[in-house]
Amino acid sequence: MCGKLEKSMYGTRDAAQNWEEEYAGFMEEIKFVWGTASPCVFHHEERNIRAVIHGDEFTMLGHEDQLNWFREKIRSKVR
């Protein structure tokens, strides 16, 4: 028996690439800009937030109120 995955599954060959496309699209949607030195680095000019993403780990730098804004945005996306 054989089946075709319609979504990415952890551990499959294209899962990491599909995840990168998903989070990068989300970051661009909320006005983050890709870093020039690394595709894992993002910056939000207006809110002065910086982000480094490695796999499913998001490391954010910014003022608490701006980080709370980001938390609400990502929470609404993944629920």
C-alpha atoms as a PDB file:
ATOM      1  CA  MET A   1       0.000   0.000   0.000  1.00  0.00           C
ATOM      2  CA  CYS A   2       1.232   3.519  -0.745  1.00  0.00           C
ATOM      3  CA  GLY A   3      -0.079   6.941   0.160  1.00  0.00           C
ATOM      4  CA  LYS A   4       0.617  10.506  -0.909  1.00  0.00           C
ATOM      5  CA  LEU A   5       1.213  13.184   1.724  1.00  0.00           C
ATOM      6  CA  GLU A   6      -0.770  16.349   1.129  1.00  0.00           C
ATOM      7  CA  LYS A   7       1.130  18.252   3.819  1.00  0.00           C
ATOM      8  CA  SER A   8       4.678  18.159   5.092  1.00  0.00           C
ATOM      9  CA  MET A   9       5.489  15.663   7.784  1.00  0.00           C
ATOM     10  CA  TYR A  10       8.340  16.038  10.242  1.00  0.00           C
ATOM     11  CA  GLY A  11      11.392  14.191   9.009  1.00  0.00           C
ATOM     12  CA  THR A  12      10.500  14.138   5.335  1.00  0.00           C
ATOM     13  CA  ARG A  13      12.952  15.551   2.825  1.00  0.00           C
ATOM     14  CA  ASP A  14      11.033  18.707   1.983  1.00  0.00           C
ATOM     15  CA  ALA A  15       9.673  19.498   5.460  1.00  0.00           C
ATOM     16  CA  ALA A  16      12.392  22.035   6.355  1.00  0.00           C
ATOM     17  CA  GLN A  17      12.040  23.884   3.050  1.00  0.00           C
ATOM     18  CA  ASN A  18       8.247  23.991   3.334  1.00  0.00           C
ATOM     19  CA  TRP A  19       8.497  25.297   6.913  1.00  0.00           C
ATOM     20  CA  GLU A  20      10.922  28.025   5.796  1.00  0.00           C
ATOM     21  CA  GLU A  21       8.500  29.113   3.064  1.00  0.00           C
ATOM     22  CA  GLU A  22       5.658  29.164   5.596  1.00  0.00           C
ATOM     23  CA  TYR A  23       7.357  31.282   8.265  1.00  0.00           C
ATOM     24  CA  ALA A  24       9.052  33.573   5.717  1.00  0.00           C
ATOM     25  CA  GLY A  25       5.701  34.289   4.087  1.00  0.00           C
ATOM     26  CA  PHE A  26       4.184  35.031   7.480  1.00  0.00           C
ATOM     27  CA  MET A  27       7.050  37.364   8.423  1.00  0.00           C
ATOM     28  CA  GLU A  28       6.745  39.263   5.130  1.00  0.00           C
ATOM     29  CA  GLU A  29       2.965  39.438   5.581  1.00  0.00           C
ATOM     30  CA  ILE A  30       3.418  41.338   8.859  1.00  0.00           C
ATOM     31  CA  LYS A  31       6.043  43.635   7.274  1.00  0.00           C
ATOM     32  CA  PHE A  32       9.317  42.035   8.349  1.00  0.00           C
ATOM     33  CA  VAL A  33      12.207  42.339   5.900  1.00  0.00           C
ATOM     34  CA  TRP A  34      14.685  39.528   5.109  1.00  0.00           C
ATOM     35  CA  GLY A  35      18.243  40.025   6.274  1.00  0.00           C
ATOM     36  CA  THR A  36      20.865  40.531   3.581  1.00  0.00           C
ATOM     37  CA  ALA A  37      23.598  38.449   5.229  1.00  0.00           C
ATOM     38  CA  SER A  38      21.395  35.525   6.258  1.00  0.00           C
ATOM     39  CA  PRO A  39      17.936  34.335   5.211  1.00  0.00           C
ATOM     40  CA  CYS A  40      17.258  33.424   8.861  1.00  0.00           C
ATOM     41  CA  VAL A  41      17.415  37.047  10.039  1.00  0.00           C
ATOM     42  CA  PHE A  42      14.459  39.451   9.851  1.00  0.00           C
ATOM     43  CA  HIS A  43      13.896  43.073  10.847  1.00  0.00           C
ATOM     44  CA  HIS A  44      10.736  45.129  11.334  1.00  0.00           C
ATOM     45  CA  GLU A  45      11.714  48.754  10.738  1.00  0.00           C
ATOM     46  CA  GLU A  46       8.613  50.456  12.193  1.00  0.00           C
ATOM     47  CA  ARG A  47       8.460  48.354  15.364  1.00  0.00           C
ATOM     48  CA  ASN A  48      12.231  47.995  15.757  1.00  0.00           C
ATOM     49  CA  ILE A  49      12.086  44.216  16.215  1.00  0.00           C
ATOM     50  CA  ARG A  50      14.821  41.854  15.114  1.00  0.00           C
ATOM     51  CA  ALA A  51      14.342  38.117  14.699  1.00  0.00           C
ATOM     52  CA  VAL A  52      16.569  35.127  14.104  1.00  0.00           C
ATOM     53  CA  ILE A  53      14.820  31.915  13.143  1.00  0.00           C
ATOM     54  CA  HIS A  54      16.500  28.519  13.302  1.00  0.00           C
ATOM     55  CA  GLY A  55      14.202  25.617  12.565  1.00  0.00           C
ATOM     56  CA  ASP A  56      11.174  26.209  14.760  1.00  0.00           C
ATOM     57  CA  GLU A  57      13.004  28.427  17.277  1.00  0.00           C
ATOM     58  CA  PHE A  58      12.274  32.158  17.078  1.00  0.00           C
ATOM     59  CA  THR A  59      14.701  34.464  18.907  1.00  0.00           C
ATOM     60  CA  MET A  60      13.309  37.990  19.075  1.00  0.00           C
ATOM     61  CA  LEU A  61      14.818  41.285  20.200  1.00  0.00           C
ATOM     62  CA  GLY A  62      12.690  44.362  20.854  1.00  0.00           C
ATOM     63  CA  HIS A  63      10.713  46.312  23.425  1.00  0.00           C
ATOM     64  CA  GLU A  64       8.233  44.306  25.463  1.00  0.00           C
ATOM     65  CA  ASP A  65       5.139  45.959  23.968  1.00  0.00           C
ATOM     66  CA  GLN A  66       6.393  45.244  20.442  1.00  0.00           C
ATOM     67  CA  LEU A  67       7.226  41.646  21.293  1.00  0.00           C
ATOM     68  CA  ASN A  68       3.710  41.256  22.707  1.00  0.00           C
ATOM     69  CA  TRP A  69       2.385  42.539  19.345  1.00  0.00           C
ATOM     70  CA  PHE A  70       4.405  39.830  17.571  1.00  0.00           C
ATOM     71  CA  ARG A  71       3.232  37.180  20.033  1.00  0.00           C
ATOM     72  CA  GLU A  72      -0.396  38.002  19.245  1.00  0.00           C
ATOM     73  CA  LYS A  73       0.243  37.964  15.489  1.00  0.00           C
ATOM     74  CA  ILE A  74       1.899  34.555  15.515  1.00  0.00           C
ATOM     75  CA  ARG A  75      -0.657  33.179  17.972  1.00  0.00           C
ATOM     76  CA  SER A  76      -3.489  34.164  15.606  1.00  0.00           C
ATOM     77  CA  LYS A  77      -1.643  32.483  12.714  1.00  0.00           C
ATOM     78  CA  VAL A  78      -1.006  29.110  14.338  1.00  0.00           C
ATOM     79  CA  ARG A  79      -4.335  28.626  16.097  1.00  0.00           C
END
